[in-house]
Amino acid sequence: QVQLVESGGRSVQPGESLRLSCAAKRGFALDFYEVAWFRQAPGKEREGVSCLRTRTSETVYIDSVKGRFTISRNAVRNTLYLQMNNLKPEDSAVYYCASKLIATDSSLVPEEYDYWGQGTQVTVSP
């Protein structure tokens, strides 16, 4: 059974940076077609933030984080990262990592992901 464990979330002030990590018991390089970060704020639906296709290294970002967030992975350490710079209060949410086994035509659709972590809280406030 695959297990994903996120870490790195905490409270920061606007403009600061955080790096989230997601450790997997199985390697991201060979086992998954796509790995991703989602987030969910109170009272809102889960939102896809960024994804990475492991075979091509293609990345996708939602518009609100483009230029501020960077997704990356270390296949040797079986770890996925999300570097978040210039954080804004609207980035506050529980952040989840997820993995997809099978290729699909779409990206960042929560229902298409097979494995999820438990989440890590990011709070951005003055």
C-alpha atoms as a PDB file:
ATOM      1  CA  GLN A   1       0.000   0.000   0.000  1.00  0.00           C
ATOM      2  CA  VAL A   2       1.338   3.394  -0.977  1.00  0.00           C
ATOM      3  CA  GLN A   3       1.639   5.983   1.776  1.00  0.00           C
ATOM      4  CA  LEU A   4       2.242   9.682   1.211  1.00  0.00           C
ATOM      5  CA  VAL A   5       3.298  11.888   4.119  1.00  0.00           C
ATOM      6  CA  GLU A   6       3.388  15.671   3.809  1.00  0.00           C
ATOM      7  CA  SER A   7       5.423  18.013   5.982  1.00  0.00           C
ATOM      8  CA  GLY A   8       6.626  21.597   6.060  1.00  0.00           C
ATOM      9  CA  GLY A   9       3.415  23.498   6.642  1.00  0.00           C
ATOM     10  CA  ARG A  10       3.348  26.241   9.280  1.00  0.00           C
ATOM     11  CA  SER A  11       2.251  29.819   9.886  1.00  0.00           C
ATOM     12  CA  VAL A  12       4.095  32.550   8.003  1.00  0.00           C
ATOM     13  CA  GLN A  13       3.654  36.206   7.131  1.00  0.00           C
ATOM     14  CA  PRO A  14       2.753  37.470   3.655  1.00  0.00           C
ATOM     15  CA  GLY A  15       5.757  37.555   1.348  1.00  0.00           C
ATOM     16  CA  GLU A  16       7.570  34.735   3.089  1.00  0.00           C
ATOM     17  CA  SER A  17       8.476  31.345   1.630  1.00  0.00           C
ATOM     18  CA  LEU A  18       7.842  27.720   2.548  1.00  0.00           C
ATOM     19  CA  ARG A  19       8.861  24.397   1.086  1.00  0.00           C
ATOM     20  CA  LEU A  20       6.454  21.511   1.467  1.00  0.00           C
ATOM     21  CA  SER A  21       7.659  17.937   1.227  1.00  0.00           C
ATOM     22  CA  CYS A  22       5.810  14.716   0.466  1.00  0.00           C
ATOM     23  CA  ALA A  23       7.581  11.460   1.226  1.00  0.00           C
ATOM     24  CA  ALA A  24       6.400   8.279  -0.472  1.00  0.00           C
ATOM     25  CA  LYS A  25       7.055   4.694   0.475  1.00  0.00           C
ATOM     26  CA  ARG A  26       7.090   3.895  -3.211  1.00  0.00           C
ATOM     27  CA  GLY A  27       9.157   5.805  -5.712  1.00  0.00           C
ATOM     28  CA  PHE A  28       7.623   8.628  -7.655  1.00  0.00           C
ATOM     29  CA  ALA A  29       9.843   7.990 -10.649  1.00  0.00           C
ATOM     30  CA  LEU A  30       8.500   4.639 -11.791  1.00  0.00           C
ATOM     31  CA  ASP A  31       5.228   3.952 -10.055  1.00  0.00           C
ATOM     32  CA  PHE A  32       3.165   7.006 -10.845  1.00  0.00           C
ATOM     33  CA  TYR A  33       2.198   8.717 -14.044  1.00  0.00           C
ATOM     34  CA  GLU A  34       1.574  12.031 -12.339  1.00  0.00           C
ATOM     35  CA  VAL A  35       2.153  13.545  -8.908  1.00  0.00           C
ATOM     36  CA  ALA A  36       0.496  16.689  -7.659  1.00  0.00           C
ATOM     37  CA  TRP A  37      -0.241  19.165  -4.916  1.00  0.00           C
ATOM     38  CA  PHE A  38      -3.788  20.140  -4.004  1.00  0.00           C
ATOM     39  CA  ARG A  39      -5.083  22.503  -1.337  1.00  0.00           C
ATOM     40  CA  GLN A  40      -8.322  23.023   0.498  1.00  0.00           C
ATOM     41  CA  ALA A  41      -9.316  26.092   2.448  1.00  0.00           C
ATOM     42  CA  PRO A  42     -12.185  26.056   4.975  1.00  0.00           C
ATOM     43  CA  GLY A  43     -15.536  26.093   3.236  1.00  0.00           C
ATOM     44  CA  LYS A  44     -14.011  25.637  -0.212  1.00  0.00           C
ATOM     45  CA  GLU A  45     -13.573  22.711  -2.565  1.00  0.00           C
ATOM     46  CA  ARG A  46     -10.257  20.970  -2.937  1.00  0.00           C
ATOM     47  CA  GLU A  47      -8.215  22.793  -5.595  1.00  0.00           C
ATOM     48  CA  GLY A  48      -5.388  21.480  -7.726  1.00  0.00           C
ATOM     49  CA  VAL A  49      -2.296  23.656  -7.384  1.00  0.00           C
ATOM     50  CA  SER A  50       0.392  21.986  -9.461  1.00  0.00           C
ATOM     51  CA  CYS A  51       1.288  18.642 -10.986  1.00  0.00           C
ATOM     52  CA  LEU A  52       4.300  16.954 -12.507  1.00  0.00           C
ATOM     53  CA  ARG A  53       4.271  14.126 -15.036  1.00  0.00           C
ATOM     54  CA  THR A  54       7.097  11.838 -14.004  1.00  0.00           C
ATOM     55  CA  ARG A  55       7.959  10.440 -17.434  1.00  0.00           C
ATOM     56  CA  THR A  56       8.282  13.792 -19.191  1.00  0.00           C
ATOM     57  CA  SER A  57       8.874  16.197 -16.269  1.00  0.00           C
ATOM     58  CA  GLU A  58       6.093  18.348 -17.679  1.00  0.00           C
ATOM     59  CA  THR A  59       4.618  20.640 -15.042  1.00  0.00           C
ATOM     60  CA  VAL A  60       1.282  22.399 -14.730  1.00  0.00           C
ATOM     61  CA  TYR A  61       0.377  25.276 -12.407  1.00  0.00           C
ATOM     62  CA  ILE A  62      -2.850  27.100 -11.727  1.00  0.00           C
ATOM     63  CA  ASP A  63      -2.729  30.760 -12.683  1.00  0.00           C
ATOM     64  CA  SER A  64      -2.805  32.075  -9.136  1.00  0.00           C
ATOM     65  CA  VAL A  65       0.523  30.430  -8.245  1.00  0.00           C
ATOM     66  CA  LYS A  66       2.433  30.747 -11.512  1.00  0.00           C
ATOM     67  CA  GLY A  67       5.774  32.431 -10.946  1.00  0.00           C
ATOM     68  CA  ARG A  68       5.561  31.902  -7.185  1.00  0.00           C
ATOM     69  CA  PHE A  69       5.348  28.123  -6.700  1.00  0.00           C
ATOM     70  CA  THR A  70       7.644  25.422  -8.064  1.00  0.00           C
ATOM     71  CA  ILE A  71       6.955  21.687  -8.028  1.00  0.00           C
ATOM     72  CA  SER A  72       9.876  19.285  -8.099  1.00  0.00           C
ATOM     73  CA  ARG A  73      10.829  15.776  -7.082  1.00  0.00           C
ATOM     74  CA  ASN A  74      13.802  13.793  -5.909  1.00  0.00           C
ATOM     75  CA  ALA A  75      13.366  10.297  -7.270  1.00  0.00           C
ATOM     76  CA  VAL A  76      16.239   8.908  -5.197  1.00  0.00           C
ATOM     77  CA  ARG A  77      14.660  10.140  -1.963  1.00  0.00           C
ATOM     78  CA  ASN A  78      11.120   9.321  -3.160  1.00  0.00           C
ATOM     79  CA  THR A  79      10.084  12.843  -2.257  1.00  0.00           C
ATOM     80  CA  LEU A  80       7.928  15.475  -3.927  1.00  0.00           C
ATOM     81  CA  TYR A  81       8.365  19.168  -3.114  1.00  0.00           C
ATOM     82  CA  LEU A  82       6.432  22.386  -3.471  1.00  0.00           C
ATOM     83  CA  GLN A  83       8.509  25.530  -3.113  1.00  0.00           C
ATOM     84  CA  MET A  84       6.183  28.417  -2.330  1.00  0.00           C
ATOM     85  CA  ASN A  85       7.510  31.963  -2.546  1.00  0.00           C
ATOM     86  CA  ASN A  86       5.861  35.323  -1.961  1.00  0.00           C
ATOM     87  CA  LEU A  87       3.035  33.693  -0.056  1.00  0.00           C
ATOM     88  CA  LYS A  88      -0.294  35.482   0.167  1.00  0.00           C
ATOM     89  CA  PRO A  89      -3.150  35.137   2.667  1.00  0.00           C
ATOM     90  CA  GLU A  90      -5.244  33.471  -0.039  1.00  0.00           C
ATOM     91  CA  ASP A  91      -2.690  30.645  -0.149  1.00  0.00           C
ATOM     92  CA  SER A  92      -3.766  29.581   3.339  1.00  0.00           C
ATOM     93  CA  ALA A  93      -5.121  26.033   3.200  1.00  0.00           C
ATOM     94  CA  VAL A  94      -4.393  22.431   3.994  1.00  0.00           C
ATOM     95  CA  TYR A  95      -2.039  21.199   1.304  1.00  0.00           C
ATOM     96  CA  TYR A  96      -2.196  17.590   0.101  1.00  0.00           C
ATOM     97  CA  CYS A  97       0.049  15.620  -2.168  1.00  0.00           C
ATOM     98  CA  ALA A  98      -1.463  13.021  -4.459  1.00  0.00           C
ATOM     99  CA  SER A  99      -0.429  10.541  -7.089  1.00  0.00           C
ATOM    100  CA  LYS A 100      -2.054   9.156 -10.200  1.00  0.00           C
ATOM    101  CA  LEU A 101      -1.237   5.733 -11.612  1.00  0.00           C
ATOM    102  CA  ILE A 102      -2.825   5.923 -15.045  1.00  0.00           C
ATOM    103  CA  ALA A 103      -2.425   8.538 -17.737  1.00  0.00           C
ATOM    104  CA  THR A 104      -5.458  10.684 -18.485  1.00  0.00           C
ATOM    105  CA  ASP A 105      -6.054  13.650 -20.757  1.00  0.00           C
ATOM    106  CA  SER A 106      -6.653  16.018 -17.883  1.00  0.00           C
ATOM    107  CA  SER A 107      -4.617  17.344 -14.988  1.00  0.00           C
ATOM    108  CA  LEU A 108      -5.428  18.275 -11.418  1.00  0.00           C
ATOM    109  CA  VAL A 109      -8.796  16.540 -11.323  1.00  0.00           C
ATOM    110  CA  PRO A 110      -9.028  15.186  -7.771  1.00  0.00           C
ATOM    111  CA  GLU A 111     -11.184  12.189  -8.693  1.00  0.00           C
ATOM    112  CA  GLU A 112      -8.449  10.838 -10.970  1.00  0.00           C
ATOM    113  CA  TYR A 113      -5.825  10.508  -8.224  1.00  0.00           C
ATOM    114  CA  ASP A 114      -5.280   7.192  -6.535  1.00  0.00           C
ATOM    115  CA  TYR A 115      -3.297   8.023  -3.421  1.00  0.00           C
ATOM    116  CA  TRP A 116      -3.417  10.976  -1.041  1.00  0.00           C
ATOM    117  CA  GLY A 117      -1.443  12.214   1.915  1.00  0.00           C
ATOM    118  CA  GLN A 118      -2.993  13.386   5.153  1.00  0.00           C
ATOM    119  CA  GLY A 119      -2.307  17.078   4.538  1.00  0.00           C
ATOM    120  CA  THR A 120      -0.204  19.821   6.073  1.00  0.00           C
ATOM    121  CA  GLN A 121      -1.554  23.205   7.174  1.00  0.00           C
ATOM    122  CA  VAL A 122      -0.231  26.421   5.650  1.00  0.00           C
ATOM    123  CA  THR A 123      -1.396  29.686   7.200  1.00  0.00           C
ATOM    124  CA  VAL A 124      -0.398  33.056   5.781  1.00  0.00           C
ATOM    125  CA  SER A 125      -1.357  36.049   7.900  1.00  0.00           C
ATOM    126  CA  PRO A 126       0.164  39.381   9.022  1.00  0.00           C
END
